[in-house]
Amino acid sequence: MQTGIKMKKCLFLLLTAVVALSLTGCKAFTETKATVNVKVLDYSSTPRGGESVYMFSPVYWNTTDGRVIKNAQRMVITDNDGIAVFDLTAVELDWIGDQTNLYFATFDGNGRNVNGSAAVTVKKGDVKDITIKQSW
């Protein structure tokens, strides 16, 4: 009888430890690792609220065919001040060493042509501010 109770206790403690470790392991992938604040201005330098800003990795940005909305990793809509805040996690970032290059773009009304873009190198823990000035 005592052996059965000890086995149940051991099994319970083992399962508790596995669950605790898996929860703390997941936290590392969902914590914000970097933030990029993208300000969008129109051709006359007026902030553009309600504008969709798309984030691309170098894999897609470095090919002309890759610069399409469907290849974006994320999309954030600008607030009334024309700022889109990208809080990035380790899962979203393709770190090369301790940094990566990210590309941000806005598109024309039909979503086919880039009408403004900016690039930034981001290191873990960075908070970066960049501006996209639209060409029309």
Protein backbone atom coordinates (compact mmCIF):
# COMPACT_ATOMS: atom_id res chain seq x y z
CA MET A 1 0.00 0.00 0.00
CA GLN A 2 2.80 2.40 0.92
CA THR A 3 4.54 1.77 -2.43
CA GLY A 4 1.38 2.76 -4.33
CA ILE A 5 1.11 6.04 -2.43
CA LYS A 6 4.80 6.82 -2.98
CA MET A 7 4.40 6.10 -6.71
CA LYS A 8 1.39 8.42 -6.94
CA LYS A 9 3.29 11.17 -5.10
CA CYS A 10 6.30 10.77 -7.40
CA LEU A 11 4.10 10.80 -10.48
CA PHE A 12 2.25 13.89 -9.23
CA LEU A 13 5.52 15.73 -8.50
CA LEU A 14 6.96 14.75 -11.88
CA LEU A 15 3.88 15.97 -13.76
CA THR A 16 3.85 19.21 -11.74
CA ALA A 17 7.51 19.82 -12.59
CA VAL A 18 6.93 19.12 -16.31
CA VAL A 19 3.98 21.54 -16.44
CA ALA A 20 5.91 24.24 -14.55
CA LEU A 21 8.93 23.91 -16.86
CA SER A 22 6.81 23.97 -19.99
CA LEU A 23 5.01 27.13 -18.87
CA THR A 24 8.24 28.97 -18.10
CA GLY A 25 9.75 27.75 -21.37
CA CYS A 26 6.82 29.18 -23.36
CA LYS A 27 7.20 32.54 -21.64
CA ALA A 28 10.60 33.04 -23.28
CA PHE A 29 8.98 32.88 -26.71
CA THR A 30 6.12 35.26 -25.93
CA GLU A 31 7.97 37.99 -24.04
CA THR A 32 8.66 41.17 -25.97
CA LYS A 33 12.28 41.04 -27.15
CA ALA A 34 12.32 44.31 -29.11
CA THR A 35 9.98 47.15 -30.04
CA VAL A 36 9.87 49.13 -33.27
CA ASN A 37 7.72 52.27 -33.42
CA VAL A 38 6.95 53.11 -37.04
CA LYS A 39 5.68 56.62 -37.77
CA VAL A 40 3.89 57.02 -41.09
CA LEU A 41 3.77 60.40 -42.81
CA ASP A 42 2.10 61.26 -46.09
CA TYR A 43 3.93 63.10 -48.89
CA SER A 44 3.30 66.44 -47.12
CA SER A 45 4.66 65.12 -43.76
CA THR A 46 1.24 64.83 -42.12
CA PRO A 47 0.86 61.80 -39.78
CA ARG A 48 -1.34 59.05 -41.28
CA GLY A 49 -3.72 57.49 -38.74
CA GLY A 50 -5.45 54.24 -39.70
CA GLU A 51 -2.68 53.19 -42.11
CA SER A 52 -1.66 49.53 -42.37
CA VAL A 53 2.07 48.99 -41.84
CA TYR A 54 3.58 45.64 -42.85
CA MET A 55 6.75 44.04 -41.46
CA PHE A 56 8.97 41.87 -43.66
CA SER A 57 11.99 39.70 -43.00
CA PRO A 58 15.05 39.97 -45.29
CA VAL A 59 14.06 36.68 -46.96
CA TYR A 60 11.06 38.34 -48.62
CA TRP A 61 12.17 41.96 -48.75
CA ASN A 62 15.34 41.26 -50.70
CA THR A 63 13.41 39.89 -53.68
CA THR A 64 11.08 42.07 -55.74
CA ASP A 65 8.50 39.26 -55.95
CA GLY A 66 8.54 38.94 -52.15
CA ARG A 67 7.41 42.50 -51.46
CA VAL A 68 3.73 41.67 -51.40
CA ILE A 69 1.28 41.87 -48.52
CA LYS A 70 0.81 38.10 -48.27
CA ASN A 71 4.52 37.69 -47.40
CA ALA A 72 4.44 40.12 -44.48
CA GLN A 73 5.20 38.66 -41.06
CA ARG A 74 3.01 41.16 -39.22
CA MET A 75 0.63 44.03 -39.85
CA VAL A 76 -0.18 46.82 -37.41
CA ILE A 77 -2.52 49.78 -38.00
CA THR A 78 -1.26 53.24 -37.05
CA ASP A 79 -2.94 55.18 -34.26
CA ASN A 80 -4.27 58.75 -34.65
CA ASP A 81 -0.70 60.09 -34.40
CA GLY A 82 0.43 57.90 -37.30
CA ILE A 83 2.41 55.46 -35.14
CA ALA A 84 2.31 51.67 -35.43
CA VAL A 85 3.92 49.85 -32.49
CA PHE A 86 5.50 46.46 -33.25
CA ASP A 87 6.19 44.58 -29.99
CA LEU A 88 8.26 41.69 -31.26
CA THR A 89 8.84 38.32 -29.64
CA ALA A 90 11.65 35.82 -30.13
CA VAL A 91 9.39 33.65 -32.28
CA GLU A 92 8.72 36.53 -34.70
CA LEU A 93 12.33 37.57 -35.01
CA ASP A 94 14.86 35.79 -37.18
CA TRP A 95 17.91 36.62 -35.09
CA ILE A 96 21.27 36.40 -36.76
CA GLY A 97 23.61 36.45 -33.82
CA ASP A 98 22.23 39.13 -31.53
CA GLN A 99 20.54 41.29 -34.19
CA THR A 100 18.37 41.20 -37.28
CA ASN A 101 17.26 43.50 -40.09
CA LEU A 102 13.57 44.24 -40.46
CA TYR A 103 11.74 46.04 -43.24
CA PHE A 104 8.50 47.98 -42.91
CA ALA A 105 6.25 49.17 -45.72
CA THR A 106 2.95 50.75 -46.58
CA PHE A 107 1.12 49.97 -49.82
CA ASP A 108 -1.13 51.88 -52.18
CA GLY A 109 -4.92 51.56 -51.94
CA ASN A 110 -5.10 48.37 -53.97
CA GLY A 111 -2.24 46.73 -52.01
CA ARG A 112 -0.05 46.11 -55.04
CA ASN A 113 2.62 48.82 -54.88
CA VAL A 114 4.86 49.90 -52.00
CA ASN A 115 4.35 53.62 -51.45
CA GLY A 116 6.73 54.01 -48.52
CA SER A 117 9.27 51.88 -46.68
CA ALA A 118 12.00 51.92 -44.05
CA ALA A 119 14.53 49.44 -42.72
CA VAL A 120 16.03 49.04 -39.27
CA THR A 121 18.58 46.81 -37.56
CA VAL A 122 17.19 45.57 -34.27
CA LYS A 123 19.11 44.04 -31.37
CA LYS A 124 17.52 42.13 -28.53
CA GLY A 125 16.05 44.57 -26.03
CA ASP A 126 16.04 47.52 -28.46
CA VAL A 127 13.33 50.13 -28.76
CA LYS A 128 13.68 51.75 -32.19
CA ASP A 129 11.81 54.64 -33.80
CA ILE A 130 11.67 54.86 -37.59
CA THR A 131 9.67 56.91 -40.09
CA ILE A 132 8.06 55.96 -43.37
CA LYS A 133 7.35 58.90 -45.65
CA GLN A 134 4.86 57.91 -48.31
CA SER A 135 5.54 58.97 -51.87
CA TRP A 136 1.89 59.75 -52.72
